[in-house]
């Protein structure tokens, strides 16, 4: 996987928006593939080490969420399963499965765009994350939510 240099320490808000835009680009790939449009990137020291988007329909696999794809790619890139110095950027609040997986990665931060009121992990259990994981929400929230709303409106029209 290619590395992209970006100094996260310059302006944390600017970096969060920058990387969330890249997660949105992944979500748009899912949208084009007729998958629920959620995208994710894992960043370590300003470098993208993993990315993914939902592939549950294409792979016929309920576990093929964007976060899981990004975690797997990141672990392969660094050659280890722990992401303790990394940040996950994901367009929509992770589900319980993905939040649980993040616990095992020991990821430093999770930054998500829009809340998922029906299946988001905070609805069920906020302390499912690793105790050292920092959680931030609302980064590019409107853009992240709009993509989901467009997708499901399109689905309703098709059915």
N, C-alpha and C. Protein backbone atom coordinates (compact mmCIF):
# COMPACT_ATOMS: atom_id res chain seq x y z
N UNK A 1 0.85 -1.17 0.00
CA UNK A 1 0.00 0.00 0.00
C UNK A 1 0.89 1.23 0.00
N UNK A 2 0.49 2.21 -0.76
CA UNK A 2 1.29 3.42 -0.83
C UNK A 2 1.08 4.27 0.42
N UNK A 3 2.10 5.01 0.73
CA UNK A 3 2.04 5.91 1.87
C UNK A 3 1.77 7.32 1.38
N UNK A 4 1.07 8.07 2.18
CA UNK A 4 0.77 9.45 1.85
C UNK A 4 1.23 10.29 3.01
N UNK A 5 2.15 11.18 2.76
CA UNK A 5 2.67 12.01 3.84
C UNK A 5 1.76 13.19 4.13
N UNK A 6 1.45 13.34 5.39
CA UNK A 6 0.65 14.47 5.86
C UNK A 6 0.99 14.65 7.32
N UNK A 7 1.34 15.83 7.73
CA UNK A 7 1.72 16.08 9.10
C UNK A 7 0.49 16.30 9.96
N UNK A 8 0.07 15.27 10.71
CA UNK A 8 -1.10 15.35 11.57
C UNK A 8 -0.94 16.38 12.68
N UNK A 9 0.29 16.74 13.01
CA UNK A 9 0.54 17.63 14.15
C UNK A 9 0.36 19.10 13.80
N UNK A 10 0.26 19.44 12.53
CA UNK A 10 0.10 20.84 12.14
C UNK A 10 -1.20 21.42 12.70
N UNK A 11 -2.30 20.86 12.35
CA UNK A 11 -3.62 21.31 12.80
C UNK A 11 -4.50 20.07 12.86
N UNK A 12 -4.77 19.56 14.05
CA UNK A 12 -5.53 18.31 14.17
C UNK A 12 -6.89 18.35 13.46
N UNK A 13 -7.60 19.48 13.52
CA UNK A 13 -8.90 19.57 12.86
C UNK A 13 -8.75 19.48 11.35
N UNK A 14 -7.73 20.14 10.82
CA UNK A 14 -7.47 20.10 9.37
C UNK A 14 -7.12 18.68 8.94
N UNK A 15 -6.29 18.03 9.72
CA UNK A 15 -5.90 16.64 9.40
C UNK A 15 -7.11 15.72 9.47
N UNK A 16 -7.95 15.89 10.50
CA UNK A 16 -9.14 15.05 10.62
C UNK A 16 -10.06 15.22 9.42
N UNK A 17 -10.26 16.44 8.97
CA UNK A 17 -11.11 16.68 7.81
C UNK A 17 -10.47 16.10 6.54
N UNK A 18 -9.18 16.27 6.42
CA UNK A 18 -8.47 15.74 5.26
C UNK A 18 -8.66 14.22 5.15
N UNK A 19 -8.39 13.52 6.25
CA UNK A 19 -8.49 12.06 6.21
C UNK A 19 -9.94 11.58 6.15
N UNK A 20 -10.87 12.35 6.72
CA UNK A 20 -12.27 11.97 6.60
C UNK A 20 -12.72 12.10 5.15
N UNK A 21 -12.20 13.08 4.43
CA UNK A 21 -12.50 13.19 3.00
C UNK A 21 -12.02 11.96 2.24
N UNK A 22 -10.91 11.40 2.65
CA UNK A 22 -10.42 10.17 2.02
C UNK A 22 -11.32 8.99 2.37
N UNK A 23 -11.83 8.96 3.59
CA UNK A 23 -12.79 7.92 3.97
C UNK A 23 -14.07 8.09 3.16
N UNK A 24 -14.48 9.33 2.92
CA UNK A 24 -15.66 9.58 2.08
C UNK A 24 -15.44 9.09 0.65
N UNK A 25 -14.23 9.23 0.15
CA UNK A 25 -13.92 8.72 -1.19
C UNK A 25 -14.09 7.19 -1.23
N UNK A 26 -13.71 6.52 -0.14
CA UNK A 26 -13.92 5.07 -0.05
C UNK A 26 -15.41 4.76 0.00
N UNK A 27 -16.16 5.56 0.76
CA UNK A 27 -17.61 5.36 0.86
C UNK A 27 -18.28 5.51 -0.50
N UNK A 28 -17.79 6.43 -1.30
CA UNK A 28 -18.35 6.63 -2.64
C UNK A 28 -18.09 5.41 -3.53
N UNK A 29 -16.99 4.72 -3.31
CA UNK A 29 -16.73 3.47 -4.04
C UNK A 29 -17.79 2.44 -3.67
N UNK A 30 -18.13 2.38 -2.39
CA UNK A 30 -19.17 1.46 -1.94
C UNK A 30 -20.51 1.83 -2.59
N UNK A 31 -20.81 3.12 -2.61
CA UNK A 31 -22.06 3.61 -3.21
C UNK A 31 -22.15 3.16 -4.66
N UNK A 32 -21.07 3.35 -5.41
CA UNK A 32 -21.04 2.97 -6.83
C UNK A 32 -21.18 1.46 -7.02
N UNK A 33 -20.75 0.69 -6.03
CA UNK A 33 -20.85 -0.78 -6.08
C UNK A 33 -22.18 -1.27 -5.51
N UNK A 34 -23.10 -0.34 -5.21
CA UNK A 34 -24.40 -0.67 -4.62
C UNK A 34 -24.28 -1.32 -3.24
N UNK A 35 -23.25 -0.92 -2.52
CA UNK A 35 -23.04 -1.33 -1.13
C UNK A 35 -23.43 -0.17 -0.23
N UNK A 36 -23.76 -0.45 1.02
CA UNK A 36 -24.02 0.63 1.98
C UNK A 36 -22.77 1.50 2.01
N UNK A 37 -22.92 2.81 1.74
CA UNK A 37 -21.75 3.66 1.52
C UNK A 37 -21.03 4.11 2.81
N UNK A 38 -20.22 3.21 3.30
CA UNK A 38 -19.37 3.52 4.45
C UNK A 38 -17.93 3.27 4.02
N UNK A 39 -17.07 4.22 4.34
CA UNK A 39 -15.66 4.10 4.00
C UNK A 39 -14.80 4.36 5.22
N UNK A 40 -13.58 3.81 5.17
CA UNK A 40 -12.67 3.95 6.30
C UNK A 40 -11.22 4.02 5.82
N UNK A 41 -10.41 4.76 6.57
CA UNK A 41 -8.97 4.75 6.38
C UNK A 41 -8.31 4.67 7.75
N UNK A 42 -7.18 3.97 7.80
CA UNK A 42 -6.38 3.93 9.02
C UNK A 42 -5.11 4.71 8.73
N UNK A 43 -4.79 5.63 9.63
CA UNK A 43 -3.65 6.53 9.48
C UNK A 43 -2.70 6.32 10.65
N UNK A 44 -1.42 6.24 10.33
CA UNK A 44 -0.38 6.12 11.35
C UNK A 44 0.72 7.13 11.06
N UNK A 45 0.93 8.03 11.98
CA UNK A 45 1.96 9.05 11.85
C UNK A 45 1.85 9.81 10.54
N UNK A 46 0.62 10.17 10.18
CA UNK A 46 0.38 10.95 8.97
C UNK A 46 0.35 10.16 7.69
N UNK A 47 0.43 8.86 7.78
CA UNK A 47 0.45 8.02 6.58
C UNK A 47 -0.73 7.07 6.57
N UNK A 48 -1.34 6.94 5.42
CA UNK A 48 -2.44 5.99 5.26
C UNK A 48 -1.83 4.59 5.17
N UNK A 49 -2.25 3.72 6.09
CA UNK A 49 -1.72 2.35 6.07
C UNK A 49 -2.80 1.32 5.78
N UNK A 50 -4.04 1.77 5.73
CA UNK A 50 -5.13 0.86 5.40
C UNK A 50 -6.35 1.64 4.97
N UNK A 51 -7.11 1.05 4.08
CA UNK A 51 -8.34 1.68 3.64
C UNK A 51 -9.33 0.60 3.28
N UNK A 52 -10.60 0.96 3.29
CA UNK A 52 -11.61 -0.03 2.94
C UNK A 52 -12.98 0.60 2.82
N UNK A 53 -13.86 -0.14 2.20
CA UNK A 53 -15.26 0.24 2.12
C UNK A 53 -16.10 -1.02 2.22
N UNK A 54 -17.38 -0.84 2.48
CA UNK A 54 -18.25 -2.00 2.66
C UNK A 54 -18.23 -2.90 1.43
N UNK A 55 -18.09 -4.19 1.68
CA UNK A 55 -18.10 -5.20 0.61
C UNK A 55 -19.01 -6.37 0.97
N UNK A 56 -19.99 -6.14 1.83
CA UNK A 56 -20.81 -7.25 2.32
C UNK A 56 -21.61 -7.93 1.23
N UNK A 57 -22.13 -7.15 0.28
CA UNK A 57 -22.90 -7.74 -0.81
C UNK A 57 -21.99 -8.47 -1.80
N UNK A 58 -20.94 -7.79 -2.19
CA UNK A 58 -20.01 -8.35 -3.18
C UNK A 58 -19.37 -9.64 -2.70
N UNK A 59 -18.97 -9.67 -1.43
CA UNK A 59 -18.30 -10.85 -0.88
C UNK A 59 -19.26 -11.83 -0.23
N UNK A 60 -20.54 -11.43 -0.14
CA UNK A 60 -21.55 -12.25 0.54
C UNK A 60 -21.05 -12.61 1.95
N UNK A 61 -20.60 -11.57 2.67
CA UNK A 61 -19.96 -11.73 3.96
C UNK A 61 -20.42 -10.61 4.89
N UNK A 62 -21.18 -10.95 5.91
CA UNK A 62 -21.71 -9.92 6.82
C UNK A 62 -20.60 -9.21 7.61
N UNK A 63 -19.41 -9.77 7.64
CA UNK A 63 -18.32 -9.14 8.39
C UNK A 63 -17.45 -8.23 7.51
N UNK A 64 -17.76 -8.08 6.25
CA UNK A 64 -16.92 -7.31 5.32
C UNK A 64 -17.22 -5.81 5.38
N UNK A 65 -17.25 -5.28 6.60
CA UNK A 65 -17.49 -3.85 6.80
C UNK A 65 -16.24 -3.05 6.45
N UNK A 66 -16.44 -1.77 6.19
CA UNK A 66 -15.33 -0.88 5.83
C UNK A 66 -14.21 -0.91 6.87
N UNK A 67 -14.60 -0.85 8.15
CA UNK A 67 -13.59 -0.83 9.22
C UNK A 67 -12.77 -2.11 9.22
N UNK A 68 -13.43 -3.24 9.03
CA UNK A 68 -12.74 -4.53 9.04
C UNK A 68 -11.76 -4.62 7.87
N UNK A 69 -12.17 -4.11 6.71
CA UNK A 69 -11.28 -4.09 5.54
C UNK A 69 -10.06 -3.21 5.83
N UNK A 70 -10.30 -2.05 6.44
CA UNK A 70 -9.21 -1.13 6.74
C UNK A 70 -8.27 -1.69 7.81
N UNK A 71 -8.83 -2.34 8.83
CA UNK A 71 -7.99 -2.95 9.88
C UNK A 71 -7.09 -4.03 9.28
N UNK A 72 -7.66 -4.87 8.43
CA UNK A 72 -6.89 -5.95 7.82
C UNK A 72 -5.77 -5.39 6.95
N UNK A 73 -6.09 -4.39 6.14
CA UNK A 73 -5.07 -3.78 5.28
C UNK A 73 -3.97 -3.13 6.12
N UNK A 74 -4.35 -2.45 7.19
CA UNK A 74 -3.37 -1.78 8.05
C UNK A 74 -2.45 -2.79 8.72
N UNK A 75 -3.03 -3.86 9.24
CA UNK A 75 -2.22 -4.89 9.90
C UNK A 75 -1.25 -5.52 8.92
N UNK A 76 -1.69 -5.74 7.69
CA UNK A 76 -0.79 -6.30 6.68
C UNK A 76 0.32 -5.32 6.32
N UNK A 77 -0.02 -4.03 6.27
CA UNK A 77 0.98 -3.02 5.93
C UNK A 77 2.08 -2.94 6.98
N UNK A 78 1.68 -2.93 8.26
CA UNK A 78 2.70 -2.78 9.31
C UNK A 78 3.27 -4.11 9.77
N UNK A 79 2.65 -5.20 9.36
CA UNK A 79 3.17 -6.51 9.74
C UNK A 79 2.86 -6.89 11.18
N UNK A 80 1.76 -6.38 11.71
CA UNK A 80 1.36 -6.69 13.08
C UNK A 80 -0.09 -6.35 13.30
N UNK A 81 -0.67 -6.94 14.34
CA UNK A 81 -2.10 -6.76 14.57
C UNK A 81 -2.48 -5.56 15.43
N UNK A 82 -1.51 -4.95 16.10
CA UNK A 82 -1.82 -3.83 16.98
C UNK A 82 -1.65 -2.50 16.25
N UNK A 83 -2.64 -1.65 16.40
CA UNK A 83 -2.65 -0.34 15.74
C UNK A 83 -2.63 0.77 16.80
N UNK A 84 -1.79 0.59 17.80
CA UNK A 84 -1.79 1.46 18.98
C UNK A 84 -1.36 2.89 18.69
N UNK A 85 -0.71 3.16 17.59
CA UNK A 85 -0.32 4.53 17.27
C UNK A 85 -1.10 5.05 16.06
N UNK A 86 -2.27 4.51 15.84
CA UNK A 86 -3.04 4.81 14.63
C UNK A 86 -4.40 5.42 14.94
N UNK A 87 -4.98 6.01 13.89
CA UNK A 87 -6.33 6.57 13.96
C UNK A 87 -7.17 5.94 12.86
N UNK A 88 -8.37 5.51 13.22
CA UNK A 88 -9.35 5.04 12.25
C UNK A 88 -10.27 6.20 11.94
N UNK A 89 -10.39 6.54 10.66
CA UNK A 89 -11.36 7.51 10.18
C UNK A 89 -12.44 6.72 9.46
N UNK A 90 -13.68 6.86 9.91
CA UNK A 90 -14.78 6.12 9.30
C UNK A 90 -15.97 7.07 9.17
N UNK A 91 -16.66 6.97 8.04
CA UNK A 91 -17.71 7.94 7.74
C UNK A 91 -18.92 7.83 8.64
N UNK A 92 -19.23 6.63 9.12
CA UNK A 92 -20.40 6.41 9.96
C UNK A 92 -19.94 5.71 11.24
N UNK A 93 -20.59 6.00 12.33
CA UNK A 93 -20.27 5.37 13.62
C UNK A 93 -20.18 3.85 13.48
N UNK A 94 -19.12 3.25 13.98
CA UNK A 94 -18.97 1.79 13.87
C UNK A 94 -20.09 1.03 14.59
N UNK A 95 -20.37 -0.15 14.07
CA UNK A 95 -21.31 -1.06 14.73
C UNK A 95 -20.59 -1.74 15.90
N UNK A 96 -21.31 -2.55 16.64
CA UNK A 96 -20.73 -3.25 17.79
C UNK A 96 -19.60 -4.17 17.34
N UNK A 97 -19.78 -4.88 16.22
CA UNK A 97 -18.73 -5.79 15.74
C UNK A 97 -17.43 -5.03 15.45
N UNK A 98 -17.55 -3.92 14.73
CA UNK A 98 -16.35 -3.16 14.36
C UNK A 98 -15.73 -2.46 15.57
N UNK A 99 -16.55 -1.98 16.48
CA UNK A 99 -16.03 -1.39 17.71
C UNK A 99 -15.29 -2.45 18.53
N UNK A 100 -15.86 -3.67 18.59
CA UNK A 100 -15.19 -4.76 19.28
C UNK A 100 -13.86 -5.12 18.63
N UNK A 101 -13.83 -5.14 17.31
CA UNK A 101 -12.58 -5.41 16.60
C UNK A 101 -11.55 -4.33 16.89
N UNK A 102 -12.03 -3.07 16.99
CA UNK A 102 -11.09 -1.98 17.29
C UNK A 102 -10.46 -2.16 18.66
N UNK A 103 -11.22 -2.74 19.59
CA UNK A 103 -10.67 -3.02 20.92
C UNK A 103 -9.43 -3.90 20.79
N UNK A 104 -9.54 -4.95 19.98
CA UNK A 104 -8.44 -5.91 19.85
C UNK A 104 -7.25 -5.32 19.10
N UNK A 105 -7.49 -4.30 18.27
CA UNK A 105 -6.37 -3.65 17.58
C UNK A 105 -5.64 -2.67 18.50
N UNK A 106 -6.29 -2.28 19.58
CA UNK A 106 -5.77 -1.28 20.53
C UNK A 106 -5.51 0.06 19.84
N UNK A 107 -6.37 0.41 18.91
CA UNK A 107 -6.21 1.65 18.14
C UNK A 107 -6.28 2.86 19.07
N UNK A 108 -5.45 3.86 18.77
CA UNK A 108 -5.37 5.08 19.58
C UNK A 108 -6.64 5.92 19.52
N UNK A 109 -7.13 6.16 18.29
CA UNK A 109 -8.27 7.05 18.09
C UNK A 109 -9.22 6.47 17.07
N UNK A 110 -10.49 6.78 17.28
CA UNK A 110 -11.51 6.53 16.26
C UNK A 110 -12.20 7.86 16.03
N UNK A 111 -12.22 8.27 14.77
CA UNK A 111 -12.88 9.51 14.37
C UNK A 111 -13.96 9.12 13.37
N UNK A 112 -15.21 9.43 13.70
CA UNK A 112 -16.26 9.12 12.73
C UNK A 112 -17.06 10.35 12.37
N UNK A 113 -17.72 10.26 11.21
CA UNK A 113 -18.49 11.40 10.72
C UNK A 113 -19.85 11.51 11.38
N UNK A 114 -20.77 10.65 10.97
CA UNK A 114 -22.15 10.74 11.44
C UNK A 114 -22.48 9.58 12.37
N UNK A 115 -23.35 9.86 13.33
CA UNK A 115 -23.85 8.82 14.23
C UNK A 115 -24.75 7.87 13.46
N UNK A 116 -24.83 6.65 13.93
CA UNK A 116 -25.73 5.63 13.38
C UNK A 116 -26.71 5.28 14.49
N UNK A 117 -27.87 5.93 14.51
CA UNK A 117 -28.79 5.78 15.64
C UNK A 117 -29.38 4.38 15.81
N UNK A 118 -29.42 3.59 14.75
CA UNK A 118 -30.03 2.26 14.85
C UNK A 118 -29.01 1.18 15.22
N UNK A 119 -27.81 1.23 14.63
CA UNK A 119 -26.86 0.14 14.82
C UNK A 119 -25.48 0.59 15.32
N UNK A 120 -25.32 1.86 15.61
CA UNK A 120 -24.04 2.35 16.11
C UNK A 120 -23.74 1.80 17.50
N UNK A 121 -22.47 1.57 17.77
CA UNK A 121 -22.09 0.93 19.04
C UNK A 121 -22.42 1.77 20.26
N UNK A 122 -22.43 3.11 20.13
CA UNK A 122 -22.70 3.94 21.32
C UNK A 122 -24.13 3.77 21.81
N UNK A 123 -25.02 3.32 20.95
CA UNK A 123 -26.40 3.05 21.36
C UNK A 123 -26.45 1.87 22.33
N UNK A 124 -25.53 0.96 22.16
CA UNK A 124 -25.55 -0.27 22.95
C UNK A 124 -24.59 -0.26 24.12
N UNK A 125 -23.34 0.10 23.85
CA UNK A 125 -22.34 -0.01 24.91
C UNK A 125 -21.16 0.88 24.57
N UNK A 126 -21.05 2.00 25.22
CA UNK A 126 -19.99 2.95 24.92
C UNK A 126 -18.61 2.45 25.35
N UNK A 127 -18.55 1.62 26.37
CA UNK A 127 -17.23 1.20 26.87
C UNK A 127 -16.72 -0.08 26.19
N UNK A 128 -17.18 -0.35 24.98
CA UNK A 128 -16.69 -1.51 24.23
C UNK A 128 -15.30 -1.24 23.64
N UNK A 129 -14.92 0.02 23.55
CA UNK A 129 -13.62 0.38 23.00
C UNK A 129 -12.51 0.09 24.01
N UNK A 130 -11.29 -0.03 23.51
CA UNK A 130 -10.13 -0.18 24.38
C UNK A 130 -10.08 1.04 25.30
N UNK A 131 -9.71 0.86 26.57
CA UNK A 131 -9.71 1.98 27.52
C UNK A 131 -8.86 3.17 27.08
N UNK A 132 -7.84 2.95 26.27
CA UNK A 132 -6.97 4.05 25.83
C UNK A 132 -7.44 4.70 24.53
N UNK A 133 -8.46 4.15 23.89
CA UNK A 133 -8.94 4.70 22.62
C UNK A 133 -9.71 6.00 22.85
N UNK A 134 -9.35 7.00 22.08
CA UNK A 134 -10.03 8.30 22.12
C UNK A 134 -11.07 8.30 21.00
N UNK A 135 -12.27 8.71 21.32
CA UNK A 135 -13.37 8.73 20.35
C UNK A 135 -13.75 10.16 20.03
N UNK A 136 -13.89 10.44 18.74
CA UNK A 136 -14.33 11.76 18.28
C UNK A 136 -15.37 11.56 17.20
N UNK A 137 -16.42 12.34 17.25
CA UNK A 137 -17.48 12.24 16.24
C UNK A 137 -17.74 13.59 15.63
N UNK A 138 -18.50 13.58 14.53
CA UNK A 138 -18.96 14.82 13.92
C UNK A 138 -18.05 15.42 12.88
N UNK A 139 -16.97 14.76 12.50
CA UNK A 139 -16.08 15.30 11.48
C UNK A 139 -16.72 15.09 10.11
N UNK A 140 -16.99 16.17 9.41
CA UNK A 140 -17.70 16.16 8.13
C UNK A 140 -19.02 15.41 8.24
N UNK A 141 -19.68 15.60 9.36
CA UNK A 141 -20.91 14.87 9.67
C UNK A 141 -21.97 15.02 8.58
N UNK A 142 -22.20 16.23 8.11
CA UNK A 142 -23.25 16.46 7.11
C UNK A 142 -22.98 15.71 5.81
N UNK A 143 -21.73 15.73 5.34
CA UNK A 143 -21.39 15.04 4.10
C UNK A 143 -21.53 13.52 4.26
N UNK A 144 -21.09 13.01 5.40
CA UNK A 144 -21.18 11.57 5.66
C UNK A 144 -22.63 11.11 5.73
N UNK A 145 -23.45 11.88 6.44
CA UNK A 145 -24.87 11.53 6.58
C UNK A 145 -25.59 11.66 5.24
N UNK A 146 -25.26 12.67 4.46
CA UNK A 146 -25.93 12.90 3.18
C UNK A 146 -25.72 11.73 2.22
N UNK A 147 -24.54 11.17 2.20
CA UNK A 147 -24.27 10.03 1.31
C UNK A 147 -25.14 8.84 1.69
N UNK A 148 -25.28 8.59 2.99
CA UNK A 148 -26.14 7.49 3.45
C UNK A 148 -27.60 7.76 3.09
N UNK A 149 -28.06 8.98 3.32
CA UNK A 149 -29.45 9.33 3.01
C UNK A 149 -29.74 9.17 1.52
N UNK A 150 -28.81 9.61 0.70
CA UNK A 150 -28.97 9.47 -0.76
C UNK A 150 -29.05 8.00 -1.16
N UNK A 151 -28.18 7.19 -0.58
CA UNK A 151 -28.16 5.77 -0.90
C UNK A 151 -29.50 5.11 -0.56
N UNK A 152 -29.99 5.35 0.65
CA UNK A 152 -31.23 4.69 1.07
C UNK A 152 -32.46 5.27 0.37
N UNK A 153 -32.43 6.54 -0.01
CA UNK A 153 -33.53 7.10 -0.80
C UNK A 153 -33.56 6.44 -2.17
N UNK A 154 -32.40 6.22 -2.75
CA UNK A 154 -32.30 5.53 -4.04
C UNK A 154 -32.82 4.10 -3.92
N UNK A 155 -32.50 3.44 -2.84
CA UNK A 155 -32.97 2.07 -2.61
C UNK A 155 -34.49 2.01 -2.52
N UNK A 156 -35.08 2.98 -1.83
CA UNK A 156 -36.54 3.01 -1.70
C UNK A 156 -37.20 3.20 -3.06
N UNK A 157 -36.62 4.02 -3.91
CA UNK A 157 -37.16 4.26 -5.25
C UNK A 157 -37.07 2.99 -6.09
N UNK A 158 -35.95 2.27 -5.96
CA UNK A 158 -35.74 1.05 -6.74
C UNK A 158 -36.70 -0.06 -6.34
N UNK A 159 -37.11 -0.07 -5.09
CA UNK A 159 -38.00 -1.13 -4.60
C UNK A 159 -39.40 -0.75 -4.69
